Protein backbone atom coordinates (compact mmCIF):
# COMPACT_ATOMS: atom_id res chain seq x y z
CA MET A 1 0.38 -6.05 -119.62
CA ASN A 2 1.80 -9.61 -119.87
CA ASP A 3 3.41 -11.54 -117.05
CA ALA A 4 6.95 -10.92 -118.30
CA THR A 5 6.41 -7.16 -118.42
CA LEU A 6 4.81 -7.19 -114.98
CA MET A 7 7.73 -9.14 -113.53
CA GLU A 8 10.21 -6.77 -115.16
CA ASP A 9 8.44 -3.66 -113.79
CA THR A 10 8.10 -5.23 -110.35
CA GLY A 11 11.77 -6.12 -110.39
CA LYS A 12 12.76 -2.56 -111.30
CA ALA A 13 10.61 -1.11 -108.54
CA GLY A 14 11.95 -3.62 -106.04
CA ALA A 15 15.55 -2.85 -106.97
CA TRP A 16 14.83 0.88 -106.70
CA ARG A 17 13.33 0.53 -103.21
CA GLN A 18 16.23 -1.64 -102.11
CA ARG A 19 18.66 0.97 -103.38
CA LEU A 20 16.76 3.71 -101.50
CA ALA A 21 16.86 1.78 -98.25
CA ALA A 22 20.60 1.04 -98.47
CA PRO A 23 22.73 3.11 -96.08
CA GLU A 24 25.15 5.74 -97.30
CA PRO A 25 28.42 6.93 -95.79
CA VAL A 26 27.96 9.60 -93.13
CA ALA A 27 29.48 13.03 -93.69
CA SER A 28 31.58 14.74 -91.04
CA LEU A 29 29.05 17.37 -89.89
CA ARG A 30 29.14 17.19 -86.09
CA ARG A 31 26.69 18.16 -83.36
CA ALA A 32 27.69 21.33 -81.50
CA ARG A 33 26.61 22.52 -78.07
CA ASN A 34 24.12 24.95 -79.58
CA GLY A 35 22.91 22.96 -82.55
CA LEU A 36 23.74 20.95 -85.65
CA GLY A 37 25.46 22.55 -88.62
CA ASN A 38 23.74 25.89 -89.27
CA LEU A 39 20.73 24.92 -87.13
CA LEU A 40 20.98 26.68 -83.76
CA SER A 41 18.97 25.67 -80.70
CA ARG A 42 19.10 24.68 -77.05
CA CYS A 43 15.43 23.66 -77.03
CA PRO A 44 14.55 19.99 -76.28
CA LEU A 45 12.03 20.04 -79.16
CA MET A 46 14.80 20.95 -81.59
CA THR A 47 17.17 18.46 -80.00
CA GLU A 48 14.72 15.77 -81.10
CA VAL A 49 14.76 17.26 -84.61
CA PHE A 50 18.57 17.01 -84.58
CA ASN A 51 18.32 13.37 -83.49
CA GLN A 52 15.93 12.65 -86.36
CA ILE A 53 18.22 14.37 -88.87
CA GLU A 54 21.20 12.29 -87.73
CA ARG A 55 19.13 9.10 -87.94
CA VAL A 56 17.71 9.63 -91.43
CA ALA A 57 20.66 11.39 -93.10
CA PRO A 58 22.74 8.22 -93.72
CA THR A 59 19.79 6.52 -95.45
CA ARG A 60 18.42 7.23 -98.92
CA VAL A 61 14.73 7.32 -98.03
CA SER A 62 12.46 10.23 -98.91
CA VAL A 63 11.83 12.77 -96.15
CA LEU A 64 8.88 15.09 -95.60
CA VAL A 65 9.62 18.22 -93.54
CA THR A 66 6.59 20.02 -92.12
CA GLY A 67 6.20 23.20 -90.12
CA GLU A 68 4.84 26.71 -90.26
CA SER A 69 6.15 29.22 -92.79
CA GLY A 70 9.50 30.63 -91.73
CA THR A 71 10.54 27.81 -89.38
CA GLY A 72 13.53 26.80 -91.51
CA LYS A 73 12.36 23.79 -93.51
CA GLU A 74 14.90 24.34 -96.28
CA LEU A 75 17.70 24.67 -93.73
CA VAL A 76 16.66 21.34 -92.20
CA ALA A 77 16.67 19.74 -95.66
CA ARG A 78 20.10 21.20 -96.37
CA THR A 79 21.39 19.88 -93.05
CA ILE A 80 20.14 16.39 -93.90
CA HIS A 81 22.04 16.70 -97.18
CA GLU A 82 25.21 17.88 -95.43
CA CYS A 83 25.02 15.03 -92.88
CA SER A 84 24.71 12.42 -95.63
CA GLY A 85 27.17 10.77 -97.94
CA ARG A 86 25.75 13.01 -100.68
CA SER A 87 27.18 16.21 -99.19
CA SER A 88 29.72 16.54 -102.00
CA GLY A 89 26.88 16.43 -104.55
CA PRO A 90 24.50 19.26 -105.45
CA PHE A 91 21.64 20.48 -103.27
CA VAL A 92 18.91 21.71 -105.62
CA ALA A 93 15.95 23.58 -104.08
CA VAL A 94 12.71 24.01 -106.03
CA ASN A 95 9.69 26.03 -104.91
CA CYS A 96 6.78 24.08 -106.40
CA GLY A 97 4.41 27.00 -105.86
CA ALA A 98 6.58 29.42 -107.82
CA ILE A 99 6.61 27.50 -111.13
CA PRO A 100 3.66 27.95 -113.52
CA ALA A 101 1.58 24.77 -113.89
CA SER A 102 2.29 24.70 -117.62
CA LEU A 103 6.05 24.57 -117.07
CA ILE A 104 6.55 22.48 -113.96
CA GLU A 105 6.89 19.13 -115.75
CA ALA A 106 9.56 20.51 -118.09
CA GLU A 107 11.35 22.13 -115.15
CA LEU A 108 11.44 18.91 -113.11
CA PHE A 109 12.11 16.35 -115.83
CA GLY A 110 13.65 18.48 -118.59
CA HIS A 111 12.74 18.54 -122.27
CA GLU A 112 14.20 17.84 -125.67
CA ARG A 113 14.58 20.46 -128.37
CA GLY A 114 11.38 20.95 -130.36
CA SER A 115 9.23 18.96 -127.92
CA PHE A 116 6.81 21.89 -127.60
CA THR A 117 6.42 25.46 -128.79
CA GLY A 118 9.27 27.52 -127.39
CA ALA A 119 11.56 24.55 -126.71
CA ILE A 120 14.39 25.89 -128.84
CA ARG A 121 17.07 23.83 -127.08
CA THR A 122 17.39 20.73 -124.94
CA GLN A 123 17.14 21.46 -121.24
CA ILE A 124 17.96 19.17 -118.35
CA GLY A 125 15.51 19.20 -115.45
CA TYR A 126 15.95 19.56 -111.72
CA PHE A 127 16.05 15.78 -111.21
CA GLU A 128 19.07 15.50 -113.48
CA ARG A 129 20.76 18.58 -111.98
CA ALA A 130 20.45 17.07 -108.52
CA GLY A 131 21.83 13.69 -109.62
CA GLY A 132 24.08 12.23 -106.93
CA GLY A 133 22.84 14.87 -104.49
CA THR A 134 19.54 16.02 -103.02
CA LEU A 135 16.43 17.48 -104.66
CA PHE A 136 14.41 19.64 -102.25
CA LEU A 137 10.78 20.13 -103.30
CA ASP A 138 9.43 23.01 -101.22
CA GLU A 139 5.70 23.81 -101.00
CA ILE A 140 4.84 20.36 -102.35
CA GLY A 141 1.17 21.00 -101.51
CA GLU A 142 1.10 23.77 -104.16
CA MET A 143 2.05 21.37 -106.98
CA PRO A 144 -0.83 20.77 -109.46
CA LEU A 145 -2.53 17.39 -108.93
CA GLU A 146 -1.82 16.18 -112.46
CA MET A 147 1.87 16.81 -111.86
CA GLN A 148 1.72 15.00 -108.52
CA VAL A 149 0.73 11.86 -110.44
CA LYS A 150 3.80 12.14 -112.67
CA LEU A 151 6.07 12.83 -109.72
CA LEU A 152 4.73 9.77 -107.92
CA ARG A 153 5.35 7.65 -111.00
CA ALA A 154 8.96 8.85 -111.19
CA LEU A 155 9.56 8.12 -107.51
CA GLU A 156 7.94 4.70 -107.67
CA SER A 157 9.65 3.56 -110.89
CA GLY A 158 12.98 5.18 -110.18
CA VAL A 159 13.25 6.54 -113.72
CA ILE A 160 12.42 9.78 -115.53
CA CYS A 161 12.14 10.77 -119.18
CA ARG A 162 12.50 14.25 -120.61
CA ILE A 163 9.47 15.68 -122.40
CA GLY A 164 9.78 14.67 -126.04
CA GLY A 165 12.47 12.13 -125.23
CA GLU A 166 12.48 8.37 -125.40
CA ARG A 167 15.44 7.43 -123.21
CA GLU A 168 14.65 6.59 -119.58
CA MET A 169 17.15 7.83 -117.03
CA PRO A 170 17.53 6.60 -113.46
CA VAL A 171 16.58 8.93 -110.62
CA GLU A 172 19.85 9.38 -108.75
CA ALA A 173 18.78 12.29 -106.53
CA ARG A 174 17.42 11.83 -103.05
CA VAL A 175 14.10 13.65 -102.64
CA ILE A 176 13.21 15.77 -99.62
CA ALA A 177 9.85 17.57 -99.69
CA ALA A 178 8.37 20.23 -97.44
CA THR A 179 5.03 21.87 -96.78
CA ASN A 180 3.67 24.45 -94.36
CA ARG A 181 0.25 22.80 -94.54
CA ASN A 182 -1.01 20.00 -92.35
CA PRO A 183 -0.48 17.01 -94.70
CA ALA A 184 -3.63 15.18 -93.60
CA GLU A 185 -5.73 18.32 -94.08
CA ALA A 186 -4.13 18.94 -97.48
CA VAL A 187 -5.16 15.43 -98.53
CA ALA A 188 -8.70 15.95 -97.20
CA GLN A 189 -8.95 19.26 -99.10
CA GLY A 190 -7.80 17.64 -102.33
CA ARG A 191 -4.57 19.65 -102.51
CA LEU A 192 -2.24 16.69 -102.01
CA ARG A 193 -2.60 13.12 -103.24
CA ALA A 194 -2.60 10.56 -100.44
CA ASP A 195 -0.43 8.12 -102.39
CA LEU A 196 2.20 10.80 -103.00
CA LEU A 197 2.13 11.76 -99.32
CA TYR A 198 2.80 8.15 -98.32
CA ARG A 199 5.66 7.98 -100.80
CA LEU A 200 7.27 11.22 -99.62
CA ALA A 201 6.67 10.75 -95.91
CA VAL A 202 8.72 7.58 -95.51
CA PHE A 203 10.33 9.62 -92.73
CA SER A 204 8.71 12.80 -91.39
CA ILE A 205 10.24 15.67 -89.44
CA GLN A 206 8.02 18.28 -87.80
CA ILE A 207 9.74 21.60 -87.00
CA PRO A 208 8.27 23.40 -83.97
CA PRO A 209 7.28 27.07 -84.32
CA LEU A 210 9.62 29.63 -82.79
CA ARG A 211 7.11 30.55 -80.07
CA GLU A 212 7.50 27.03 -78.62
CA ARG A 213 11.29 27.10 -78.56
CA GLY A 214 11.78 29.16 -75.39
CA ASP A 215 15.16 30.88 -75.14
CA ASP A 216 15.98 30.06 -78.77
CA VAL A 217 14.44 33.43 -79.72
CA GLU A 218 17.20 35.30 -77.90
CA LEU A 219 19.86 32.81 -79.02
CA LEU A 220 18.93 33.31 -82.67
CA ALA A 221 18.56 37.09 -82.36
CA ARG A 222 22.06 37.37 -80.90
CA HIS A 223 23.42 35.04 -83.59
CA PHE A 224 21.87 37.16 -86.35
CA LEU A 225 23.24 40.32 -84.74
CA ALA A 226 26.73 38.79 -84.46
CA CYS A 227 26.64 37.85 -88.16
CA LEU A 228 25.58 41.38 -89.14
CA ASN A 229 28.28 42.89 -86.92
CA ARG A 230 30.95 40.73 -88.55
CA ALA A 231 29.72 41.58 -92.04
CA GLU A 232 29.67 45.32 -91.36
CA GLY A 233 32.65 45.56 -89.00
CA SER A 234 30.48 47.07 -86.27
CA ASP A 235 29.80 46.39 -82.58
CA LYS A 236 26.08 47.01 -82.12
CA ARG A 237 24.10 45.38 -79.33
CA LEU A 238 20.51 44.70 -78.26
CA SER A 239 18.77 47.23 -76.04
CA SER A 240 16.97 46.18 -72.86
CA ASN A 241 13.74 47.10 -74.64
CA SER A 242 14.64 44.63 -77.39
CA GLU A 243 15.30 41.81 -74.95
CA ALA A 244 11.84 42.30 -73.41
CA PHE A 245 10.25 42.39 -76.87
CA LEU A 246 11.91 39.09 -77.83
CA ARG A 247 10.14 37.41 -74.91
CA GLU A 248 6.77 39.12 -75.38
CA HIS A 249 6.19 38.71 -79.13
CA ASP A 250 4.85 35.35 -80.36
CA TRP A 251 6.67 35.51 -83.74
CA PRO A 252 3.98 34.21 -86.13
CA GLY A 253 6.47 34.51 -88.99
CA ASN A 254 8.95 32.41 -87.00
CA VAL A 255 12.71 32.56 -87.66
CA ARG A 256 12.27 34.41 -90.96
CA GLU A 257 10.32 37.17 -89.22
CA LEU A 258 12.88 37.36 -86.41
CA TYR A 259 15.75 37.78 -88.87
CA ASN A 260 13.91 40.49 -90.81
CA VAL A 261 13.20 42.46 -87.63
CA VAL A 262 16.81 42.16 -86.43
CA GLN A 263 18.10 43.23 -89.84
CA ARG A 264 15.83 46.27 -89.97
CA ALA A 265 16.72 47.27 -86.40
CA PHE A 266 20.41 46.88 -87.26
CA ILE A 267 20.09 49.23 -90.21
CA MET A 268 18.26 51.85 -88.14
CA ALA A 269 20.52 51.63 -85.05
CA ASP A 270 23.58 53.74 -84.29
CA ARG A 271 24.60 51.71 -81.27
CA GLU A 272 21.69 49.81 -79.72
CA LEU A 273 19.04 47.85 -81.63
CA ASP A 274 15.39 48.67 -80.90
CA LEU A 275 13.57 45.56 -82.11
CA ARG A 276 10.16 46.75 -80.95
CA GLY A 277 10.53 50.01 -82.85
CA ALA A 278 11.76 48.17 -85.95
CA PHE A 279 8.79 45.80 -85.79
CA LEU A 280 6.14 48.50 -85.50
CA GLY A 281 7.92 50.74 -87.96
CA ASN A 282 7.89 48.16 -90.74
CA GLY A 283 4.24 48.43 -91.73
CA GLN A 284 3.12 46.11 -88.90
CA PHE A 285 0.00 46.43 -86.81
CA SER A 286 -0.59 45.78 -83.12
CA ALA A 287 -3.33 45.81 -80.52
CA ALA A 288 -2.17 49.29 -79.58
CA THR A 289 -3.70 50.66 -82.79
CA GLY A 290 -7.15 49.95 -81.46
CA GLU A 291 -8.08 47.81 -84.46
CA SER A 292 -10.29 44.82 -83.75
CA ASP A 293 -8.54 41.47 -84.03
CA ARG A 294 -11.76 39.69 -84.89
CA LEU A 295 -12.90 38.63 -88.32
CA TYR A 296 -16.63 38.24 -88.92
CA ILE A 297 -17.79 35.56 -91.33
CA LYS A 298 -21.35 35.56 -92.66
CA HIS A 299 -23.44 32.41 -92.52
CA GLY A 300 -23.60 30.67 -95.90
CA MET A 301 -20.22 31.81 -97.19
CA THR A 302 -18.21 29.19 -99.07
CA LEU A 303 -14.72 28.18 -97.95
CA ALA A 304 -13.26 30.03 -100.94
CA GLU A 305 -15.12 33.20 -99.90
CA VAL A 306 -13.92 32.84 -96.31
CA GLU A 307 -10.37 32.41 -97.51
CA ARG A 308 -10.65 35.53 -99.66
CA VAL A 309 -11.99 37.63 -96.79
CA MET A 310 -9.24 36.38 -94.48
CA ILE A 311 -6.46 37.09 -96.99
CA LEU A 312 -7.69 40.56 -97.96
CA GLU A 313 -8.39 41.60 -94.36
CA THR A 314 -4.99 40.38 -93.18
CA LEU A 315 -3.28 42.25 -96.02
CA LYS A 316 -5.25 45.38 -95.11
CA ARG A 317 -4.20 45.21 -91.46
CA CYS A 318 -0.60 44.68 -92.56
CA HIS A 319 -0.91 47.94 -94.53
CA GLY A 320 -0.16 46.13 -97.77
CA ASN A 321 2.98 44.38 -96.49
CA LYS A 322 2.66 41.08 -98.37
CA THR A 323 5.60 39.38 -96.65
CA ARG A 324 4.10 40.04 -93.22
CA ALA A 325 0.61 39.02 -94.37
CA ALA A 326 1.88 35.73 -95.82
CA ALA A 327 3.71 34.99 -92.56
CA LEU A 328 0.58 35.65 -90.49
CA LEU A 329 -1.55 33.50 -92.81
CA GLY A 330 0.98 30.65 -92.76
CA ILE A 331 1.37 30.55 -96.54
CA SER A 332 4.24 31.27 -98.91
CA LEU A 333 4.62 34.70 -100.49
CA LYS A 334 4.16 33.12 -103.92
CA THR A 335 0.87 31.54 -102.82
CA LEU A 336 -0.34 34.93 -101.59
CA TYR A 337 0.49 36.53 -104.94
CA ASN A 338 -1.32 33.70 -106.75
CA ARG A 339 -4.47 34.23 -104.66
CA LEU A 340 -4.40 38.01 -105.20
CA ASN A 341 -4.03 37.50 -108.97
CA GLU A 342 -7.03 35.15 -108.90
CA TYR A 343 -9.12 37.75 -107.06
CA ARG A 344 -8.17 40.47 -109.57
CA ALA A 345 -9.16 38.20 -112.45
CA LEU A 346 -12.64 37.81 -110.93
CA GLU A 347 -13.21 41.55 -110.53
C-alpha cells in the first residue's frame, strides 16, 4: 500500500468516525413516571438504564446491550432508536445465531445476481435495509468468527459491498448489538473477537435481571394482564396466590418468562389468574418434585462434554420444554437447537 492510498483510507476512516460521533436530533419520546417508552420500571437499576439510553440515543455511536436471556435487550435497542433522530427510519433486528454460517454474509451485505449458486436475483442486505435507521444485531456472540472479521471491516471503513458487486456503499445505519454472554468471557473462550467487541462497545448498557428489580415483577405482571384484558375485552385479575408467587419465584427466564406465565394463566383463568398453577402446569419442574438440583461432573471431562451434560440434563428436567430449558441455561432458543443438532450428528 503506497502513502497516497494509506492517506486516503485513513481519511475515510477518520471522516466515518467523525460522522458517528456527531450528535443527531432528539426524538420526542419522553420519560414517564413508570418508565421510558415501552420500558416499564420503578427500580433504581433500571432508572440508570433509562439515563444511559437518553444519553446515548442522540449520538451515532455503536452500542452494546448485555444481559441475561429474556431481560429485554431488543426492547432497549428499539427504545434507543425511538429516542434518536433516526426514529422515522427503519429498525431492523437480526438474530445472528439464527442465520446459517453459509448465508450470513449475503444476508448482512446483500448479493448480486449470479454471485453464487442459487443467487437468482439481486438482494439487498440488512445494512442497506436499515439505512437511515438502526440495525440491531442480536446474539452477536453466535456470529461465526470469519464473519466477525468482515463485520469489523465494514464498521471501521464505513462502507459495504454486496457479494459479487464492485460498488462500495456507505454504511448509513447505526449499529446496536446485544449478547446474553459475558463479553469478556466470550472473548476468552474465542467466541467473540476482542477488536470487534471494542468497536461495538463504544457505549455499553447492562440490563439487570428481573430478580434484582424488586417490585418491577408485580408492575410488569399487572401491565401484561391489563394488555391482555384490553385485547380480549375481559376483566380478569391476579389471585392472592399469584401475588405471593410473583415475590417468591426468582424468574430465571426474566421478563420473557414472566409474560409467558401470565399469558398461560390468563388463558386458563375464568376470573382470577393462578400464576403458580400456570407455571407448574407448563412442563416446569420444582423442588417439590423431589428431583435433585445437583449436577455431577466427572473428573477429566472436557468443557464441551460438561456443556452437553448440562444442556441435556436441563432439558430432561424441563420435560422437553426447550423454551424453558434455554431460559434456565441463559442461551437463545436457536442456540439450544444448534447444540442439540450437533449432539444428534455425533450419535
